[in-house]
Protein backbone atom coordinates (compact mmCIF):
# COMPACT_ATOMS: atom_id res chain seq x y z
CA UNK A 1 -97.59 24.16 169.57
CA UNK A 2 -95.41 24.77 166.21
CA UNK A 3 -97.76 21.80 164.63
CA UNK A 4 -100.60 23.03 165.17
CA UNK A 5 -99.94 26.75 163.43
CA UNK A 6 -98.57 24.77 160.69
CA UNK A 7 -102.08 22.54 160.31
CA UNK A 8 -103.78 26.50 160.56
CA UNK A 9 -102.17 27.27 157.94
CA UNK A 10 -101.82 24.54 155.86
CA UNK A 11 -105.61 25.07 155.69
CA UNK A 12 -105.90 28.41 154.81
CA UNK A 13 -102.82 27.42 152.16
CA UNK A 14 -104.76 24.94 150.39
CA UNK A 15 -108.07 27.11 150.62
CA UNK A 16 -105.55 29.72 148.62
CA UNK A 17 -104.62 26.72 146.18
CA UNK A 18 -107.90 26.80 144.86
CA UNK A 19 -108.40 30.45 144.57
CA UNK A 20 -110.16 31.87 147.81
CA UNK A 21 -109.74 35.24 147.90
CA UNK A 22 -110.79 35.02 152.00
CA UNK A 23 -107.97 32.82 152.81
CA UNK A 24 -105.57 35.28 150.58
CA UNK A 25 -106.72 38.34 152.92
CA UNK A 26 -105.80 35.61 155.74
CA UNK A 27 -102.48 34.83 154.33
CA UNK A 28 -101.96 38.64 153.55
CA UNK A 29 -103.09 39.75 157.20
CA UNK A 30 -100.64 37.58 158.88
CA UNK A 31 -97.67 38.22 156.44
CA UNK A 32 -97.85 41.43 155.27
CA UNK A 33 -96.01 43.85 158.62
CA UNK A 34 -92.84 41.57 158.49
CA UNK A 35 -93.09 41.26 154.53
CA UNK A 36 -93.66 45.15 154.83
CA UNK A 37 -90.47 45.80 156.74
CA UNK A 38 -88.19 42.91 154.83
CA UNK A 39 -89.10 45.19 151.78
CA UNK A 40 -88.82 48.48 153.54
CA UNK A 41 -85.12 47.23 154.84
CA UNK A 42 -83.66 46.14 151.05
CA UNK A 43 -85.46 49.08 148.96
CA UNK A 44 -85.23 52.02 151.65
CA UNK A 45 -87.91 53.77 150.10
CA UNK A 46 -91.52 53.37 151.61
CA UNK A 47 -93.60 54.00 148.44
CA UNK A 48 -91.35 51.13 146.36
CA UNK A 49 -91.58 48.94 149.49
CA UNK A 50 -95.17 48.82 149.18
CA UNK A 51 -94.96 48.32 145.38
CA UNK A 52 -92.70 45.47 145.92
CA UNK A 53 -95.11 44.33 149.06
CA UNK A 54 -97.97 43.96 146.35
CA UNK A 55 -95.88 42.54 143.74
CA UNK A 56 -94.71 39.68 145.92
CA UNK A 57 -98.09 38.69 147.30
CA UNK A 58 -99.08 38.88 144.13
CA UNK A 59 -96.76 36.10 142.83
CA UNK A 60 -97.30 34.23 145.84
CA UNK A 61 -100.41 33.94 145.10
CA UNK A 62 -100.11 33.21 141.41
CA UNK A 63 -97.68 30.77 142.11
CA UNK A 64 -98.72 29.21 145.27
CA UNK A 65 -99.07 25.71 143.39
CA UNK A 66 -95.30 25.51 143.54
CA UNK A 67 -95.20 26.31 147.42
CA UNK A 68 -94.12 22.36 148.33
CA UNK A 69 -93.92 22.21 152.00
CA UNK A 70 -90.13 21.41 152.51
CA UNK A 71 -89.82 24.98 154.30
CA UNK A 72 -92.31 27.14 156.26
CA UNK A 73 -94.66 29.12 154.30
CA UNK A 74 -92.99 32.20 156.03
CA UNK A 75 -90.01 31.28 154.72
CA UNK A 76 -91.01 30.79 151.35
CA UNK A 77 -92.56 34.00 151.00
CA UNK A 78 -89.63 35.61 152.26
CA UNK A 79 -87.80 34.45 149.27
CA UNK A 80 -89.99 35.75 146.90
CA UNK A 81 -89.85 39.01 148.54
CA UNK A 82 -86.09 39.27 149.20
CA UNK A 83 -86.40 38.46 144.95
CA UNK A 84 -88.75 40.89 144.02
CA UNK A 85 -86.42 43.34 146.45
CA UNK A 86 -83.47 42.83 144.29
CA UNK A 87 -85.23 43.32 141.40
CA UNK A 88 -86.26 46.41 142.28
CA UNK A 89 -82.89 47.55 143.42
CA UNK A 90 -81.86 46.11 140.00
CA UNK A 91 -83.81 48.51 138.02
CA UNK A 92 -82.54 51.23 139.93
CA UNK A 93 -78.81 49.95 138.36
CA UNK A 94 -77.30 48.70 141.59
CA UNK A 95 -74.49 46.65 141.32
CA UNK A 96 -73.23 44.54 144.25
CA UNK A 97 -69.10 44.38 143.66
CA UNK A 98 -66.98 41.41 143.20
CA UNK A 99 -64.07 41.63 145.83
CA UNK A 100 -61.16 39.30 145.95
CA UNK A 101 -59.37 41.38 148.88
CA UNK A 102 -59.61 39.79 152.20
CA UNK A 103 -60.42 42.11 155.09
CA UNK A 104 -60.20 40.35 158.64
CA UNK A 105 -63.21 40.02 160.79
CA UNK A 106 -64.02 42.51 163.31
CA UNK A 107 -64.54 41.90 167.33
CA UNK A 108 -68.54 42.33 167.57
CA UNK A 109 -69.14 46.30 169.80
CA UNK A 110 -71.11 45.87 172.43
CA UNK A 111 -73.19 49.49 172.51
CA UNK A 112 -76.33 50.40 174.90
CA UNK A 113 -79.01 51.52 172.42
CA UNK A 114 -82.26 53.78 173.72
CA UNK A 115 -85.41 54.12 171.82
CA UNK A 116 -84.57 57.44 169.97
CA UNK A 117 -81.05 56.05 169.15
CA UNK A 118 -82.71 52.94 167.58
CA UNK A 119 -84.82 54.90 165.83
CA UNK A 120 -81.87 57.09 164.69
CA UNK A 121 -79.63 54.23 164.16
CA UNK A 122 -82.65 52.32 161.83
CA UNK A 123 -82.77 56.18 159.42
CA UNK A 124 -79.13 55.75 159.25
CA UNK A 125 -79.33 52.43 157.77
CA UNK A 126 -81.94 53.89 155.53
CA UNK A 127 -79.19 56.28 153.80
CA UNK A 128 -76.72 53.95 153.45
CA UNK A 129 -75.94 53.30 149.68
CA UNK A 130 -77.89 50.20 148.24
CA UNK A 131 -75.61 47.23 148.21
CA UNK A 132 -74.63 47.93 151.14
CA UNK A 133 -78.10 47.99 152.74
CA UNK A 134 -79.34 44.99 151.42
CA UNK A 135 -76.29 42.92 152.62
CA UNK A 136 -76.35 44.18 155.81
CA UNK A 137 -80.00 43.54 155.78
CA UNK A 138 -79.83 40.79 154.33
CA UNK A 139 -77.23 39.69 157.14
CA UNK A 140 -77.97 41.24 160.21
CA UNK A 141 -81.88 41.53 160.12
CA UNK A 142 -82.71 38.81 158.07
CA UNK A 143 -80.39 36.07 159.65
CA UNK A 144 -78.66 34.77 156.16
CA UNK A 145 -74.96 33.91 156.18
CA UNK A 146 -72.58 35.09 153.97
CA UNK A 147 -72.86 32.00 151.92
CA UNK A 148 -76.42 32.45 151.17
CA UNK A 149 -76.36 36.05 150.69
CA UNK A 150 -73.64 35.13 148.06
CA UNK A 151 -75.99 33.04 145.96
CA UNK A 152 -78.76 35.16 146.43
CA UNK A 153 -76.98 37.90 144.84
CA UNK A 154 -74.45 36.25 142.49
CA UNK A 155 -71.54 37.24 144.29
CA UNK A 156 -68.59 35.43 146.07
CA UNK A 157 -68.89 34.45 149.67
CA UNK A 158 -65.32 36.89 149.69
CA UNK A 159 -67.48 40.18 148.07
CA UNK A 160 -70.04 39.52 150.92
CA UNK A 161 -68.05 39.25 153.44
CA UNK A 162 -66.09 42.64 152.12
CA UNK A 163 -69.34 44.57 151.56
CA UNK A 164 -70.80 43.92 154.78
CA UNK A 165 -67.59 45.40 156.66
CA UNK A 166 -67.36 48.19 154.45
CA UNK A 167 -70.89 48.45 155.48
CA UNK A 168 -70.57 48.52 158.95
CA UNK A 169 -67.84 51.24 158.51
CA UNK A 170 -69.87 53.40 156.76
CA UNK A 171 -72.64 52.87 158.88
CA UNK A 172 -70.22 53.29 161.85
CA UNK A 173 -68.68 56.79 160.23
CA UNK A 174 -72.19 58.16 159.25
CA UNK A 175 -72.82 57.69 163.26
CA UNK A 176 -70.15 58.83 164.42
CA UNK A 177 -69.96 61.76 162.22
CA UNK A 178 -73.61 62.63 163.90
CA UNK A 179 -71.89 61.94 166.89
CA UNK A 180 -74.71 59.54 168.42
CA UNK A 181 -72.90 56.65 169.29
CA UNK A 182 -69.57 56.69 171.13
CA UNK A 183 -67.09 53.63 170.02
CA UNK A 184 -64.31 52.68 171.81
């Protein structure tokens, strides 16, 4: 079943390579929602997220000849989106700290979350400082490991882990302050 989807996307991608605007719009419709969500999680602002998304699609369509098919088109596009989001954050002078201290891994915390709490959690994540939000989003939501995050952001693996743990701690403090979640 997966190969069937790849064949469908392959045809659309080939049409995009030839400058077919209908095919470009078809790819846009397939990917705009998840791409927008990535942008929003990364930059934390709806207007900027829309701008970054549009810039990423524009770059993808102008550079589609460089897509070699070694990874899925979605993964290729996602990397463009993450890079554009990071460029946007750099404009804000967001610094990803290089840290050498070691923080031990924490035990996972399991909690029950209602839909209302989930919406509040998402809003609280958006209030995190940019550097924390980016690493938290890349790790938890986009599925990158700390080695990949370190490579993307140009920091060490230890720095990625440290900032991730600090982001979780900050998020926990913010949520505890609002008394929305109880932790043991």
